[in-house]
Amino acid sequence: MGALFAEYQPDSAGTAVTVDVEPLSRAHLDACVALAVQRDGGEEAAWEKALGRSLDADDRATSVALVDGRVAGYGTAAWFAPRDSDPDSAMPEGWYLLGLVVDARCRRRGVGRQLTVARLRWLQQRTDRAWYFASSANRPSIDLHTELGFQLIATDIEVPGVSFTVSGLLYGVNFA
């Protein structure tokens, strides 16, 4: 299992690569599953089912980053209703950026940024506000999302079905 997120080096950037972002297709599924297993562990079949939900869904979309024709990462935007699984949850129902995964060899090269920008464009067609949550230990992701306009809304959050490395943070961005 790989590192969940990049080491925090705010002044370190690799050489930018040309990134093509497109919607997840069946042709990308095996490579995305391999990235998920590499980063998070678990069973391939479970990841295939989870990622495959985006193929024909109206409430989610997974974008895939291609570098030199190979899958370098993926990220999902989805409708998230935390109260469905936890009626006492303080998390707002709405459109969220979820599950940004970038191949460790492609980190700090613009892949995550391009995936996030593409997902935000997709969300702007559906809502005036988007959400994102992260572990407070995931500084690279926090910096990226802050640079793209996300603002801290709440600290020490609990998300049904999610455990945080340190504590959970909730961010929001308004498109209007």
N, C-alpha and C. Protein backbone atom coordinates (compact mmCIF):
# COMPACT_ATOMS: atom_id res chain seq x y z
N MET A 1 0.85 -1.17 0.00
CA MET A 1 0.00 0.00 0.00
C MET A 1 0.90 1.23 0.00
N GLY A 2 0.58 2.22 -0.83
CA GLY A 2 1.37 3.43 -0.93
C GLY A 2 0.94 4.50 0.06
N ALA A 3 1.60 5.63 -0.01
CA ALA A 3 1.25 6.75 0.85
C ALA A 3 -0.10 7.32 0.43
N LEU A 4 -0.91 7.67 1.41
CA LEU A 4 -2.24 8.22 1.10
C LEU A 4 -2.15 9.54 0.38
N PHE A 5 -1.16 10.36 0.74
CA PHE A 5 -1.00 11.63 0.05
C PHE A 5 0.46 12.03 0.05
N ALA A 6 0.77 12.99 -0.80
CA ALA A 6 2.16 13.41 -1.00
C ALA A 6 2.73 14.04 0.27
N GLU A 7 4.04 13.87 0.44
CA GLU A 7 4.74 14.55 1.52
C GLU A 7 4.58 16.05 1.30
N TYR A 8 4.43 16.80 2.39
CA TYR A 8 4.22 18.23 2.27
C TYR A 8 5.54 18.95 2.01
N GLN A 9 5.67 19.46 0.79
CA GLN A 9 6.83 20.24 0.37
C GLN A 9 6.31 21.42 -0.45
N PRO A 10 5.81 22.47 0.21
CA PRO A 10 5.12 23.54 -0.52
C PRO A 10 5.98 24.29 -1.53
N ASP A 11 7.29 24.27 -1.38
CA ASP A 11 8.14 25.00 -2.31
C ASP A 11 8.76 24.09 -3.36
N SER A 12 8.33 22.84 -3.37
CA SER A 12 8.89 21.88 -4.30
C SER A 12 7.85 21.52 -5.36
N ALA A 13 8.23 21.70 -6.60
CA ALA A 13 7.33 21.31 -7.70
C ALA A 13 8.15 20.57 -8.74
N GLY A 14 7.58 19.51 -9.24
CA GLY A 14 8.23 18.76 -10.30
C GLY A 14 7.99 19.44 -11.64
N THR A 15 8.53 18.85 -12.66
CA THR A 15 8.33 19.36 -14.00
C THR A 15 6.90 19.08 -14.43
N ALA A 16 6.19 20.12 -14.84
CA ALA A 16 4.80 19.96 -15.28
C ALA A 16 4.75 19.04 -16.49
N VAL A 17 3.69 18.27 -16.55
CA VAL A 17 3.48 17.36 -17.67
C VAL A 17 2.19 17.76 -18.39
N THR A 18 2.08 17.32 -19.61
CA THR A 18 0.84 17.54 -20.36
C THR A 18 -0.17 16.51 -19.89
N VAL A 19 -1.31 17.01 -19.43
CA VAL A 19 -2.34 16.15 -18.86
C VAL A 19 -3.60 16.26 -19.71
N ASP A 20 -4.11 15.14 -20.14
CA ASP A 20 -5.40 15.08 -20.82
C ASP A 20 -6.39 14.51 -19.81
N VAL A 21 -7.51 15.20 -19.62
CA VAL A 21 -8.52 14.73 -18.68
C VAL A 21 -9.76 14.35 -19.47
N GLU A 22 -10.27 13.17 -19.18
CA GLU A 22 -11.49 12.71 -19.85
C GLU A 22 -12.33 11.91 -18.87
N PRO A 23 -13.60 11.73 -19.19
CA PRO A 23 -14.46 10.94 -18.31
C PRO A 23 -13.98 9.49 -18.22
N LEU A 24 -14.17 8.90 -17.06
CA LEU A 24 -13.85 7.49 -16.87
C LEU A 24 -14.61 6.65 -17.90
N SER A 25 -13.92 5.72 -18.51
CA SER A 25 -14.55 4.74 -19.40
C SER A 25 -14.11 3.35 -18.96
N ARG A 26 -14.74 2.34 -19.51
CA ARG A 26 -14.35 0.96 -19.18
C ARG A 26 -12.88 0.70 -19.50
N ALA A 27 -12.36 1.38 -20.51
CA ALA A 27 -10.96 1.20 -20.90
C ALA A 27 -10.00 1.68 -19.81
N HIS A 28 -10.45 2.62 -18.95
CA HIS A 28 -9.60 3.15 -17.88
C HIS A 28 -9.74 2.38 -16.57
N LEU A 29 -10.78 1.59 -16.46
CA LEU A 29 -11.18 1.03 -15.17
C LEU A 29 -10.07 0.21 -14.50
N ASP A 30 -9.42 -0.68 -15.24
CA ASP A 30 -8.39 -1.53 -14.63
C ASP A 30 -7.23 -0.69 -14.08
N ALA A 31 -6.81 0.32 -14.80
CA ALA A 31 -5.69 1.16 -14.34
C ALA A 31 -6.09 1.97 -13.11
N CYS A 32 -7.33 2.45 -13.06
CA CYS A 32 -7.79 3.20 -11.89
C CYS A 32 -7.90 2.28 -10.68
N VAL A 33 -8.38 1.07 -10.89
CA VAL A 33 -8.47 0.09 -9.81
C VAL A 33 -7.06 -0.20 -9.27
N ALA A 34 -6.10 -0.37 -10.15
CA ALA A 34 -4.73 -0.63 -9.71
C ALA A 34 -4.18 0.52 -8.87
N LEU A 35 -4.47 1.76 -9.28
CA LEU A 35 -4.03 2.92 -8.47
C LEU A 35 -4.69 2.92 -7.10
N ALA A 36 -5.97 2.60 -7.06
CA ALA A 36 -6.70 2.58 -5.79
C ALA A 36 -6.14 1.52 -4.85
N VAL A 37 -5.89 0.34 -5.37
CA VAL A 37 -5.35 -0.74 -4.55
C VAL A 37 -3.94 -0.39 -4.08
N GLN A 38 -3.16 0.20 -4.97
CA GLN A 38 -1.79 0.59 -4.62
C GLN A 38 -1.80 1.61 -3.47
N ARG A 39 -2.70 2.57 -3.53
CA ARG A 39 -2.73 3.62 -2.52
C ARG A 39 -3.45 3.20 -1.25
N ASP A 40 -4.62 2.58 -1.38
CA ASP A 40 -5.48 2.32 -0.23
C ASP A 40 -5.57 0.86 0.19
N GLY A 41 -5.07 -0.05 -0.66
CA GLY A 41 -5.24 -1.46 -0.36
C GLY A 41 -6.66 -1.90 -0.68
N GLY A 42 -7.03 -3.06 -0.22
CA GLY A 42 -8.37 -3.56 -0.47
C GLY A 42 -8.42 -4.50 -1.66
N GLU A 43 -9.63 -4.96 -1.92
CA GLU A 43 -9.85 -5.93 -2.98
C GLU A 43 -10.15 -5.24 -4.31
N GLU A 44 -9.56 -5.75 -5.38
CA GLU A 44 -9.79 -5.18 -6.71
C GLU A 44 -11.27 -5.16 -7.06
N ALA A 45 -11.98 -6.24 -6.75
CA ALA A 45 -13.40 -6.32 -7.11
C ALA A 45 -14.21 -5.20 -6.44
N ALA A 46 -13.88 -4.89 -5.20
CA ALA A 46 -14.59 -3.82 -4.49
C ALA A 46 -14.30 -2.47 -5.12
N TRP A 47 -13.04 -2.23 -5.50
CA TRP A 47 -12.69 -0.96 -6.15
C TRP A 47 -13.34 -0.87 -7.53
N GLU A 48 -13.37 -1.98 -8.25
CA GLU A 48 -13.99 -1.97 -9.58
C GLU A 48 -15.48 -1.61 -9.46
N LYS A 49 -16.14 -2.17 -8.48
CA LYS A 49 -17.55 -1.86 -8.26
C LYS A 49 -17.72 -0.39 -7.87
N ALA A 50 -16.89 0.10 -6.95
CA ALA A 50 -17.00 1.49 -6.49
C ALA A 50 -16.73 2.47 -7.63
N LEU A 51 -15.65 2.27 -8.36
CA LEU A 51 -15.33 3.18 -9.46
C LEU A 51 -16.29 3.02 -10.62
N GLY A 52 -16.73 1.80 -10.86
CA GLY A 52 -17.66 1.54 -11.96
C GLY A 52 -19.00 2.21 -11.79
N ARG A 53 -19.35 2.60 -10.57
CA ARG A 53 -20.62 3.31 -10.33
C ARG A 53 -20.69 4.60 -11.15
N SER A 54 -19.55 5.18 -11.48
CA SER A 54 -19.54 6.44 -12.23
C SER A 54 -19.86 6.26 -13.70
N LEU A 55 -19.77 5.05 -14.20
CA LEU A 55 -19.92 4.84 -15.64
C LEU A 55 -21.30 5.21 -16.17
N ASP A 56 -22.33 4.93 -15.41
CA ASP A 56 -23.69 5.18 -15.89
C ASP A 56 -24.54 5.96 -14.89
N ALA A 57 -23.91 6.79 -14.09
CA ALA A 57 -24.63 7.47 -13.01
C ALA A 57 -24.92 8.93 -13.34
N ASP A 58 -26.02 9.43 -12.82
CA ASP A 58 -26.34 10.85 -12.94
C ASP A 58 -25.85 11.65 -11.74
N ASP A 59 -25.54 10.94 -10.64
CA ASP A 59 -25.19 11.62 -9.40
C ASP A 59 -23.69 11.60 -9.13
N ARG A 60 -22.89 11.23 -10.12
CA ARG A 60 -21.44 11.21 -9.94
C ARG A 60 -20.74 11.14 -11.28
N ALA A 61 -19.50 11.60 -11.28
CA ALA A 61 -18.66 11.49 -12.47
C ALA A 61 -17.22 11.35 -12.01
N THR A 62 -16.52 10.43 -12.62
CA THR A 62 -15.10 10.26 -12.34
C THR A 62 -14.33 10.72 -13.56
N SER A 63 -13.37 11.59 -13.31
CA SER A 63 -12.48 12.08 -14.35
C SER A 63 -11.15 11.36 -14.25
N VAL A 64 -10.55 11.08 -15.40
CA VAL A 64 -9.29 10.36 -15.45
C VAL A 64 -8.25 11.26 -16.10
N ALA A 65 -7.06 11.30 -15.48
CA ALA A 65 -5.94 12.05 -16.04
C ALA A 65 -5.04 11.10 -16.80
N LEU A 66 -4.73 11.47 -18.03
CA LEU A 66 -3.84 10.68 -18.87
C LEU A 66 -2.56 11.48 -19.13
N VAL A 67 -1.43 10.85 -18.92
CA VAL A 67 -0.13 11.43 -19.23
C VAL A 67 0.54 10.46 -20.19
N ASP A 68 0.85 10.94 -21.37
CA ASP A 68 1.43 10.07 -22.41
C ASP A 68 0.55 8.85 -22.67
N GLY A 69 -0.76 9.05 -22.61
CA GLY A 69 -1.71 7.98 -22.91
C GLY A 69 -1.96 7.00 -21.78
N ARG A 70 -1.28 7.16 -20.65
CA ARG A 70 -1.46 6.25 -19.51
C ARG A 70 -2.20 6.94 -18.39
N VAL A 71 -2.99 6.17 -17.65
CA VAL A 71 -3.72 6.71 -16.51
C VAL A 71 -2.73 7.13 -15.44
N ALA A 72 -2.78 8.41 -15.07
CA ALA A 72 -1.89 8.97 -14.05
C ALA A 72 -2.66 9.34 -12.79
N GLY A 73 -3.97 9.28 -12.85
CA GLY A 73 -4.78 9.60 -11.69
C GLY A 73 -6.24 9.67 -12.04
N TYR A 74 -7.05 9.82 -10.99
CA TYR A 74 -8.49 9.99 -11.20
C TYR A 74 -9.07 10.72 -10.00
N GLY A 75 -10.23 11.26 -10.20
CA GLY A 75 -10.95 11.92 -9.11
C GLY A 75 -12.43 11.92 -9.43
N THR A 76 -13.23 11.90 -8.38
CA THR A 76 -14.68 11.81 -8.53
C THR A 76 -15.36 13.06 -8.00
N ALA A 77 -16.43 13.45 -8.62
CA ALA A 77 -17.35 14.46 -8.11
C ALA A 77 -18.69 13.75 -7.97
N ALA A 78 -19.33 13.92 -6.81
CA ALA A 78 -20.55 13.16 -6.58
C ALA A 78 -21.49 13.87 -5.62
N TRP A 79 -22.76 13.52 -5.74
CA TRP A 79 -23.76 13.97 -4.78
C TRP A 79 -23.55 13.14 -3.52
N PHE A 80 -23.42 13.80 -2.40
CA PHE A 80 -23.13 13.13 -1.14
C PHE A 80 -24.19 13.54 -0.13
N ALA A 81 -24.86 12.54 0.40
CA ALA A 81 -25.92 12.79 1.38
C ALA A 81 -25.57 12.07 2.68
N PRO A 82 -24.71 12.68 3.51
CA PRO A 82 -24.25 12.01 4.72
C PRO A 82 -25.38 11.61 5.66
N ARG A 83 -26.46 12.35 5.63
CA ARG A 83 -27.55 12.06 6.56
C ARG A 83 -28.28 10.75 6.22
N ASP A 84 -28.06 10.24 4.99
CA ASP A 84 -28.66 8.96 4.63
C ASP A 84 -28.11 7.83 5.52
N SER A 85 -26.81 7.92 5.85
CA SER A 85 -26.20 6.88 6.67
C SER A 85 -26.07 7.29 8.13
N ASP A 86 -26.17 8.59 8.41
CA ASP A 86 -26.05 9.09 9.78
C ASP A 86 -26.95 10.31 9.94
N PRO A 87 -28.17 10.12 10.42
CA PRO A 87 -29.13 11.23 10.52
C PRO A 87 -28.64 12.39 11.38
N ASP A 88 -27.67 12.15 12.27
CA ASP A 88 -27.16 13.21 13.14
C ASP A 88 -25.96 13.93 12.55
N SER A 89 -25.55 13.57 11.35
CA SER A 89 -24.38 14.17 10.74
C SER A 89 -24.57 15.67 10.52
N ALA A 90 -23.52 16.41 10.80
CA ALA A 90 -23.54 17.86 10.57
C ALA A 90 -23.07 18.21 9.16
N MET A 91 -22.65 17.21 8.39
CA MET A 91 -22.16 17.45 7.03
C MET A 91 -23.33 17.87 6.14
N PRO A 92 -23.13 18.92 5.36
CA PRO A 92 -24.21 19.33 4.46
C PRO A 92 -24.38 18.36 3.29
N GLU A 93 -25.59 18.18 2.88
CA GLU A 93 -25.88 17.41 1.68
C GLU A 93 -25.51 18.28 0.49
N GLY A 94 -24.93 17.69 -0.54
CA GLY A 94 -24.59 18.48 -1.72
C GLY A 94 -23.58 17.78 -2.61
N TRP A 95 -23.04 18.54 -3.55
CA TRP A 95 -22.05 18.04 -4.51
C TRP A 95 -20.66 18.18 -3.90
N TYR A 96 -19.91 17.09 -3.92
CA TYR A 96 -18.59 17.03 -3.31
C TYR A 96 -17.53 16.58 -4.31
N LEU A 97 -16.33 17.07 -4.11
CA LEU A 97 -15.16 16.48 -4.74
C LEU A 97 -14.72 15.35 -3.83
N LEU A 98 -14.58 14.16 -4.39
CA LEU A 98 -14.22 12.98 -3.61
C LEU A 98 -13.10 12.22 -4.30
N GLY A 99 -12.28 11.58 -3.52
CA GLY A 99 -11.36 10.57 -4.04
C GLY A 99 -10.39 11.00 -5.10
N LEU A 100 -9.57 12.00 -4.86
CA LEU A 100 -8.51 12.37 -5.80
C LEU A 100 -7.31 11.45 -5.55
N VAL A 101 -6.93 10.68 -6.56
CA VAL A 101 -5.82 9.75 -6.47
C VAL A 101 -4.87 10.03 -7.63
N VAL A 102 -3.61 10.29 -7.32
CA VAL A 102 -2.61 10.53 -8.35
C VAL A 102 -1.47 9.55 -8.15
N ASP A 103 -1.07 8.91 -9.22
CA ASP A 103 0.06 7.99 -9.20
C ASP A 103 1.25 8.71 -8.55
N ALA A 104 1.92 8.05 -7.60
CA ALA A 104 3.03 8.68 -6.87
C ALA A 104 4.11 9.22 -7.82
N ARG A 105 4.28 8.59 -8.96
CA ARG A 105 5.30 9.06 -9.92
C ARG A 105 4.91 10.35 -10.63
N CYS A 106 3.63 10.73 -10.52
CA CYS A 106 3.13 11.92 -11.24
C CYS A 106 2.75 13.06 -10.29
N ARG A 107 2.98 12.89 -9.01
CA ARG A 107 2.63 13.94 -8.06
C ARG A 107 3.54 15.15 -8.25
N ARG A 108 2.98 16.32 -7.94
CA ARG A 108 3.68 17.61 -8.06
C ARG A 108 4.02 17.95 -9.51
N ARG A 109 3.17 17.48 -10.42
CA ARG A 109 3.43 17.74 -11.83
C ARG A 109 2.20 18.31 -12.52
N GLY A 110 1.17 18.68 -11.75
CA GLY A 110 -0.02 19.30 -12.31
C GLY A 110 -1.19 18.36 -12.55
N VAL A 111 -1.02 17.08 -12.27
CA VAL A 111 -2.07 16.11 -12.53
C VAL A 111 -3.27 16.35 -11.62
N GLY A 112 -3.03 16.48 -10.33
CA GLY A 112 -4.12 16.71 -9.37
C GLY A 112 -4.86 18.00 -9.65
N ARG A 113 -4.13 19.04 -10.00
CA ARG A 113 -4.75 20.34 -10.32
C ARG A 113 -5.67 20.19 -11.53
N GLN A 114 -5.20 19.54 -12.58
CA GLN A 114 -6.02 19.40 -13.78
C GLN A 114 -7.27 18.56 -13.51
N LEU A 115 -7.13 17.52 -12.72
CA LEU A 115 -8.30 16.71 -12.35
C LEU A 115 -9.29 17.53 -11.53
N THR A 116 -8.79 18.34 -10.63
CA THR A 116 -9.67 19.14 -9.78
C THR A 116 -10.37 20.22 -10.59
N VAL A 117 -9.67 20.88 -11.47
CA VAL A 117 -10.28 21.91 -12.33
C VAL A 117 -11.36 21.28 -13.21
N ALA A 118 -11.09 20.12 -13.77
CA ALA A 118 -12.08 19.45 -14.64
C ALA A 118 -13.33 19.09 -13.84
N ARG A 119 -13.16 18.59 -12.63
CA ARG A 119 -14.31 18.22 -11.81
C ARG A 119 -15.09 19.46 -11.38
N LEU A 120 -14.40 20.55 -11.11
CA LEU A 120 -15.10 21.79 -10.75
C LEU A 120 -15.93 22.30 -11.93
N ARG A 121 -15.39 22.20 -13.13
CA ARG A 121 -16.17 22.60 -14.32
C ARG A 121 -17.44 21.76 -14.44
N TRP A 122 -17.32 20.47 -14.20
CA TRP A 122 -18.46 19.57 -14.27
C TRP A 122 -19.49 19.97 -13.21
N LEU A 123 -19.03 20.28 -12.01
CA LEU A 123 -19.93 20.67 -10.93
C LEU A 123 -20.60 22.01 -11.19
N GLN A 124 -19.91 22.94 -11.81
CA GLN A 124 -20.49 24.27 -12.09
C GLN A 124 -21.72 24.16 -12.97
N GLN A 125 -21.86 23.09 -13.71
CA GLN A 125 -23.04 22.87 -14.54
C GLN A 125 -24.22 22.33 -13.73
N ARG A 126 -23.97 22.01 -12.46
CA ARG A 126 -24.99 21.36 -11.64
C ARG A 126 -25.34 22.10 -10.35
N THR A 127 -24.47 23.01 -9.91
CA THR A 127 -24.68 23.63 -8.61
C THR A 127 -23.98 24.98 -8.51
N ASP A 128 -24.36 25.75 -7.51
CA ASP A 128 -23.69 27.02 -7.21
C ASP A 128 -22.64 26.86 -6.12
N ARG A 129 -22.59 25.68 -5.49
CA ARG A 129 -21.69 25.46 -4.36
C ARG A 129 -21.19 24.02 -4.39
N ALA A 130 -19.91 23.86 -4.09
CA ALA A 130 -19.32 22.52 -4.00
C ALA A 130 -18.59 22.39 -2.67
N TRP A 131 -18.44 21.15 -2.24
CA TRP A 131 -17.81 20.83 -0.97
C TRP A 131 -16.63 19.91 -1.19
N TYR A 132 -15.76 19.88 -0.20
CA TYR A 132 -14.59 19.02 -0.22
C TYR A 132 -14.19 18.80 1.23
N PHE A 133 -13.84 17.58 1.59
CA PHE A 133 -13.32 17.34 2.94
C PHE A 133 -11.99 16.61 2.84
N ALA A 134 -11.16 16.80 3.87
CA ALA A 134 -9.83 16.20 3.87
C ALA A 134 -9.34 16.03 5.29
N SER A 135 -8.35 15.19 5.43
CA SER A 135 -7.63 15.09 6.69
C SER A 135 -6.79 16.36 6.86
N SER A 136 -6.71 16.84 8.07
CA SER A 136 -5.88 18.02 8.32
C SER A 136 -4.41 17.74 8.05
N ALA A 137 -4.02 16.47 7.96
CA ALA A 137 -2.65 16.10 7.64
C ALA A 137 -2.34 16.15 6.15
N ASN A 138 -3.36 16.30 5.31
CA ASN A 138 -3.17 16.28 3.86
C ASN A 138 -2.95 17.70 3.34
N ARG A 139 -1.84 18.28 3.71
CA ARG A 139 -1.54 19.67 3.34
C ARG A 139 -1.43 19.91 1.83
N PRO A 140 -0.87 18.98 1.04
CA PRO A 140 -0.83 19.24 -0.40
C PRO A 140 -2.23 19.42 -0.99
N SER A 141 -3.18 18.58 -0.58
CA SER A 141 -4.54 18.70 -1.09
C SER A 141 -5.22 19.97 -0.58
N ILE A 142 -5.01 20.30 0.67
CA ILE A 142 -5.59 21.52 1.24
C ILE A 142 -5.08 22.74 0.49
N ASP A 143 -3.78 22.81 0.25
CA ASP A 143 -3.21 23.94 -0.49
C ASP A 143 -3.80 24.03 -1.89
N LEU A 144 -3.89 22.91 -2.59
CA LEU A 144 -4.44 22.89 -3.94
C LEU A 144 -5.86 23.44 -3.95
N HIS A 145 -6.71 22.92 -3.09
CA HIS A 145 -8.11 23.35 -3.08
C HIS A 145 -8.27 24.80 -2.63
N THR A 146 -7.43 25.24 -1.71
CA THR A 146 -7.47 26.64 -1.27
C THR A 146 -7.10 27.56 -2.44
N GLU A 147 -6.08 27.19 -3.20
CA GLU A 147 -5.68 27.98 -4.36
C GLU A 147 -6.80 28.06 -5.40
N LEU A 148 -7.69 27.07 -5.41
CA LEU A 148 -8.80 27.05 -6.37
C LEU A 148 -10.08 27.67 -5.79
N GLY A 149 -9.97 28.32 -4.63
CA GLY A 149 -11.09 29.09 -4.09
C GLY A 149 -11.84 28.48 -2.93
N PHE A 150 -11.49 27.28 -2.51
CA PHE A 150 -12.18 26.66 -1.37
C PHE A 150 -11.81 27.38 -0.08
N GLN A 151 -12.81 27.53 0.79
CA GLN A 151 -12.60 28.16 2.09
C GLN A 151 -12.98 27.18 3.20
N LEU A 152 -12.22 27.23 4.28
CA LEU A 152 -12.47 26.36 5.42
C LEU A 152 -13.82 26.71 6.04
N ILE A 153 -14.66 25.71 6.22
CA ILE A 153 -16.00 25.89 6.78
C ILE A 153 -16.07 25.33 8.20
N ALA A 154 -15.47 24.15 8.42
CA ALA A 154 -15.57 23.51 9.74
C ALA A 154 -14.35 22.63 9.99
N THR A 155 -13.99 22.49 11.26
CA THR A 155 -12.89 21.63 11.67
C THR A 155 -13.43 20.48 12.51
N ASP A 156 -12.61 19.48 12.69
CA ASP A 156 -12.96 18.31 13.50
C ASP A 156 -14.29 17.70 13.08
N ILE A 157 -14.49 17.59 11.78
CA ILE A 157 -15.74 17.03 11.28
C ILE A 157 -15.69 15.51 11.32
N GLU A 158 -16.86 14.92 11.31
CA GLU A 158 -17.00 13.48 11.18
C GLU A 158 -17.81 13.21 9.91
N VAL A 159 -17.30 12.31 9.10
CA VAL A 159 -17.97 11.93 7.86
C VAL A 159 -18.30 10.45 7.96
N PRO A 160 -19.56 10.10 7.82
CA PRO A 160 -19.93 8.69 7.90
C PRO A 160 -19.12 7.83 6.93
N GLY A 161 -18.51 6.78 7.45
CA GLY A 161 -17.75 5.87 6.62
C GLY A 161 -16.33 6.30 6.30
N VAL A 162 -15.88 7.43 6.88
CA VAL A 162 -14.55 7.95 6.59
C VAL A 162 -13.79 8.11 7.90
N SER A 163 -12.53 7.67 7.90
CA SER A 163 -11.67 7.94 9.06
C SER A 163 -10.53 8.84 8.58
N PHE A 164 -10.19 9.82 9.41
CA PHE A 164 -9.16 10.79 9.05
C PHE A 164 -7.86 10.47 9.78
N THR A 165 -6.74 10.74 9.12
CA THR A 165 -5.43 10.51 9.70
C THR A 165 -5.27 11.29 11.00
N VAL A 166 -5.68 12.54 11.01
CA VAL A 166 -5.60 13.37 12.21
C VAL A 166 -7.02 13.83 12.52
N SER A 167 -7.46 14.91 11.90
CA SER A 167 -8.85 15.36 12.08
C SER A 167 -9.39 15.78 10.72
N GLY A 168 -10.71 15.81 10.61
CA GLY A 168 -11.35 16.13 9.34
C GLY A 168 -11.64 17.62 9.21
N LEU A 169 -11.47 18.12 8.01
CA LEU A 169 -11.75 19.52 7.69
C LEU A 169 -12.76 19.57 6.54
N LEU A 170 -13.69 20.50 6.62
CA LEU A 170 -14.68 20.71 5.57
C LEU A 170 -14.43 22.05 4.90
N TYR A 171 -14.38 22.03 3.57
CA TYR A 171 -14.19 23.24 2.77
C TYR A 171 -15.36 23.40 1.81
N GLY A 172 -15.65 24.64 1.44
CA GLY A 172 -16.69 24.93 0.45
C GLY A 172 -16.21 25.98 -0.52
N VAL A 173 -16.81 25.98 -1.70
CA VAL A 173 -16.54 27.02 -2.70
C VAL A 173 -17.86 27.39 -3.35
N ASN A 174 -18.05 28.69 -3.55
CA ASN A 174 -19.23 29.20 -4.26
C ASN A 174 -18.84 29.53 -5.67
N PHE A 175 -19.67 29.14 -6.62
CA PHE A 175 -19.39 29.43 -8.02
C PHE A 175 -20.04 30.73 -8.47
N ALA A 176 -21.09 31.13 -7.82
CA ALA A 176 -21.83 32.33 -8.24
C ALA A 176 -21.20 33.59 -7.71
